[in-house]
Amino acid sequence: MNSESKLRQKEEQIQTEESRQAQTSTEFATAEELLRHDLAQTEVPGVVGDRLNESIAKEPKPAKAWWRRFVSGD
């Protein structure tokens, strides 16, 4: 009897793990979908966010389009 109960417990555990895996698996059509899903699930640490914002602020501003410079007379 004891071996039967252990066997049943093991089967239930395996079924539980399989159902959990089936519920959490997601298939993505593109890499962009995967990245968006990951972004929604992952919290960016504050230090990383601050460093990213500083880096973006240091980037040079894009030049005005040639036709805007022409029209404005710059």
N, C-alpha and C. Protein backbone atom coordinates (compact mmCIF):
# COMPACT_ATOMS: atom_id res chain seq x y z
N MET A 1 0.81 -1.20 0.00
CA MET A 1 0.00 0.00 0.00
C MET A 1 0.86 1.27 0.00
N ASN A 2 1.90 1.25 0.77
CA ASN A 2 2.74 2.43 0.88
C ASN A 2 3.37 2.78 -0.47
N SER A 3 3.80 1.79 -1.21
CA SER A 3 4.39 2.05 -2.52
C SER A 3 3.35 2.59 -3.50
N GLU A 4 2.08 2.14 -3.37
CA GLU A 4 1.02 2.67 -4.23
C GLU A 4 0.75 4.14 -3.94
N SER A 5 0.74 4.52 -2.70
CA SER A 5 0.48 5.92 -2.36
C SER A 5 1.64 6.80 -2.83
N LYS A 6 2.87 6.30 -2.73
CA LYS A 6 4.02 7.06 -3.23
C LYS A 6 3.94 7.22 -4.74
N LEU A 7 3.52 6.15 -5.41
CA LEU A 7 3.37 6.21 -6.86
C LEU A 7 2.31 7.22 -7.27
N ARG A 8 1.18 7.20 -6.60
CA ARG A 8 0.11 8.16 -6.90
C ARG A 8 0.56 9.58 -6.63
N GLN A 9 1.27 9.77 -5.52
CA GLN A 9 1.76 11.11 -5.19
C GLN A 9 2.73 11.60 -6.27
N LYS A 10 3.59 10.72 -6.72
CA LYS A 10 4.56 11.09 -7.77
C LYS A 10 3.82 11.42 -9.07
N GLU A 11 2.81 10.65 -9.42
CA GLU A 11 2.03 10.91 -10.64
C GLU A 11 1.31 12.25 -10.53
N GLU A 12 0.74 12.54 -9.38
CA GLU A 12 0.05 13.82 -9.18
C GLU A 12 1.04 14.98 -9.30
N GLN A 13 2.22 14.80 -8.75
CA GLN A 13 3.24 15.84 -8.81
C GLN A 13 3.65 16.09 -10.27
N ILE A 14 3.83 15.03 -11.02
CA ILE A 14 4.20 15.16 -12.44
C ILE A 14 3.09 15.85 -13.22
N GLN A 15 1.85 15.49 -12.98
CA GLN A 15 0.71 16.11 -13.66
C GLN A 15 0.63 17.60 -13.30
N THR A 16 0.87 17.93 -12.05
CA THR A 16 0.83 19.32 -11.62
C THR A 16 1.91 20.13 -12.32
N GLU A 17 3.12 19.57 -12.39
CA GLU A 17 4.21 20.27 -13.07
C GLU A 17 3.93 20.44 -14.55
N GLU A 18 3.38 19.42 -15.20
CA GLU A 18 3.06 19.52 -16.62
C GLU A 18 1.99 20.56 -16.88
N SER A 19 0.97 20.60 -16.03
CA SER A 19 -0.09 21.60 -16.23
C SER A 19 0.44 23.00 -15.98
N ARG A 20 1.33 23.15 -15.02
CA ARG A 20 1.92 24.46 -14.74
C ARG A 20 2.76 24.92 -15.91
N GLN A 21 3.54 24.02 -16.49
CA GLN A 21 4.35 24.36 -17.65
C GLN A 21 3.48 24.72 -18.84
N ALA A 22 2.38 24.01 -19.03
CA ALA A 22 1.49 24.29 -20.15
C ALA A 22 0.84 25.66 -19.99
N GLN A 23 0.56 26.05 -18.78
CA GLN A 23 -0.09 27.34 -18.54
C GLN A 23 0.89 28.49 -18.73
N THR A 24 2.16 28.30 -18.42
CA THR A 24 3.12 29.39 -18.49
C THR A 24 3.83 29.50 -19.83
N SER A 25 3.74 28.51 -20.69
CA SER A 25 4.43 28.60 -21.97
C SER A 25 3.64 29.47 -22.93
N THR A 26 4.37 30.33 -23.61
CA THR A 26 3.78 31.24 -24.58
C THR A 26 4.61 31.19 -25.84
N GLU A 27 3.94 31.18 -26.97
CA GLU A 27 4.64 31.16 -28.25
C GLU A 27 4.51 32.53 -28.89
N PHE A 28 5.61 33.05 -29.40
CA PHE A 28 5.63 34.37 -30.01
C PHE A 28 5.90 34.25 -31.50
N ALA A 29 5.22 35.10 -32.27
CA ALA A 29 5.38 35.07 -33.72
C ALA A 29 6.65 35.79 -34.14
N THR A 30 7.04 36.83 -33.40
CA THR A 30 8.23 37.60 -33.76
C THR A 30 9.08 37.86 -32.53
N ALA A 31 10.31 38.25 -32.78
CA ALA A 31 11.21 38.59 -31.68
C ALA A 31 10.72 39.84 -30.95
N GLU A 32 10.10 40.76 -31.69
CA GLU A 32 9.59 41.97 -31.07
C GLU A 32 8.51 41.66 -30.04
N GLU A 33 7.64 40.71 -30.35
CA GLU A 33 6.60 40.31 -29.40
C GLU A 33 7.24 39.74 -28.13
N LEU A 34 8.26 38.93 -28.31
CA LEU A 34 8.97 38.36 -27.17
C LEU A 34 9.58 39.45 -26.31
N LEU A 35 10.22 40.43 -26.94
CA LEU A 35 10.85 41.52 -26.19
C LEU A 35 9.82 42.37 -25.46
N ARG A 36 8.68 42.63 -26.11
CA ARG A 36 7.63 43.41 -25.44
C ARG A 36 7.07 42.65 -24.24
N HIS A 37 6.88 41.35 -24.39
CA HIS A 37 6.39 40.53 -23.29
C HIS A 37 7.40 40.54 -22.14
N ASP A 38 8.67 40.38 -22.48
CA ASP A 38 9.72 40.38 -21.47
C ASP A 38 9.79 41.73 -20.76
N LEU A 39 9.65 42.81 -21.50
CA LEU A 39 9.67 44.15 -20.91
C LEU A 39 8.54 44.33 -19.91
N ALA A 40 7.36 43.80 -20.24
CA ALA A 40 6.22 43.92 -19.34
C ALA A 40 6.42 43.10 -18.07
N GLN A 41 7.21 42.03 -18.15
CA GLN A 41 7.42 41.14 -17.00
C GLN A 41 8.62 41.53 -16.16
N THR A 42 9.54 42.33 -16.70
CA THR A 42 10.80 42.61 -16.04
C THR A 42 10.85 44.06 -15.59
N GLU A 43 11.23 44.25 -14.33
CA GLU A 43 11.38 45.60 -13.80
C GLU A 43 12.84 46.02 -13.94
N VAL A 44 13.08 47.18 -14.51
CA VAL A 44 14.43 47.69 -14.69
C VAL A 44 14.88 48.31 -13.36
N PRO A 45 16.04 47.92 -12.85
CA PRO A 45 16.54 48.53 -11.61
C PRO A 45 16.74 50.03 -11.79
N GLY A 46 16.51 50.78 -10.73
CA GLY A 46 16.60 52.24 -10.79
C GLY A 46 17.94 52.74 -11.25
N VAL A 47 19.02 52.11 -10.81
CA VAL A 47 20.37 52.54 -11.20
C VAL A 47 20.54 52.41 -12.71
N VAL A 48 20.07 51.33 -13.27
CA VAL A 48 20.20 51.12 -14.72
C VAL A 48 19.38 52.16 -15.47
N GLY A 49 18.17 52.42 -15.01
CA GLY A 49 17.32 53.43 -15.63
C GLY A 49 17.96 54.82 -15.59
N ASP A 50 18.56 55.17 -14.46
CA ASP A 50 19.22 56.46 -14.33
C ASP A 50 20.40 56.58 -15.30
N ARG A 51 21.20 55.52 -15.37
CA ARG A 51 22.35 55.55 -16.28
C ARG A 51 21.90 55.64 -17.73
N LEU A 52 20.81 54.96 -18.07
CA LEU A 52 20.29 55.03 -19.43
C LEU A 52 19.81 56.43 -19.76
N ASN A 53 19.09 57.05 -18.84
CA ASN A 53 18.61 58.42 -19.06
C ASN A 53 19.76 59.40 -19.21
N GLU A 54 20.83 59.25 -18.41
CA GLU A 54 22.00 60.11 -18.54
C GLU A 54 22.66 59.93 -19.91
N SER A 55 22.76 58.69 -20.33
CA SER A 55 23.38 58.40 -21.62
C SER A 55 22.57 59.01 -22.77
N ILE A 56 21.27 58.89 -22.69
CA ILE A 56 20.40 59.46 -23.74
C ILE A 56 20.51 60.98 -23.75
N ALA A 57 20.61 61.59 -22.58
CA ALA A 57 20.72 63.05 -22.50
C ALA A 57 22.02 63.55 -23.13
N LYS A 58 23.08 62.74 -23.11
CA LYS A 58 24.37 63.14 -23.67
C LYS A 58 24.41 63.00 -25.20
N GLU A 59 23.47 62.29 -25.78
CA GLU A 59 23.45 62.11 -27.24
C GLU A 59 23.21 63.46 -27.91
N PRO A 60 23.90 63.72 -29.02
CA PRO A 60 23.67 64.98 -29.73
C PRO A 60 22.28 65.01 -30.35
N LYS A 61 21.71 66.20 -30.37
CA LYS A 61 20.39 66.38 -30.97
C LYS A 61 20.52 66.26 -32.49
N PRO A 62 19.53 65.64 -33.13
CA PRO A 62 19.61 65.51 -34.59
C PRO A 62 19.55 66.88 -35.27
N ALA A 63 20.26 67.00 -36.37
CA ALA A 63 20.28 68.26 -37.13
C ALA A 63 18.92 68.49 -37.77
N LYS A 64 18.62 69.76 -37.99
CA LYS A 64 17.38 70.10 -38.69
C LYS A 64 17.42 69.53 -40.10
N ALA A 65 16.27 69.15 -40.59
CA ALA A 65 16.18 68.66 -41.97
C ALA A 65 16.60 69.78 -42.93
N TRP A 66 17.21 69.39 -44.02
CA TRP A 66 17.71 70.38 -44.96
C TRP A 66 16.59 71.30 -45.45
N TRP A 67 15.41 70.77 -45.67
CA TRP A 67 14.33 71.60 -46.19
C TRP A 67 13.81 72.57 -45.12
N ARG A 68 13.90 72.21 -43.85
CA ARG A 68 13.50 73.16 -42.79
C ARG A 68 14.51 74.30 -42.69
N ARG A 69 15.81 73.98 -42.84
CA ARG A 69 16.81 75.03 -42.83
C ARG A 69 16.61 75.96 -44.02
N PHE A 70 16.29 75.40 -45.15
CA PHE A 70 16.08 76.18 -46.37
C PHE A 70 14.88 77.12 -46.22
N VAL A 71 13.76 76.58 -45.67
CA VAL A 71 12.53 77.36 -45.53
C VAL A 71 12.69 78.43 -44.47
N SER A 72 13.36 78.13 -43.36
CA SER A 72 13.48 79.10 -42.28
C SER A 72 14.60 80.11 -42.53
N GLY A 73 15.50 79.84 -43.48
CA GLY A 73 16.56 80.76 -43.83
C GLY A 73 17.80 80.62 -42.96
N ASP A 74 17.91 79.51 -42.19
CA ASP A 74 19.09 79.30 -41.34
C ASP A 74 20.30 78.92 -42.15
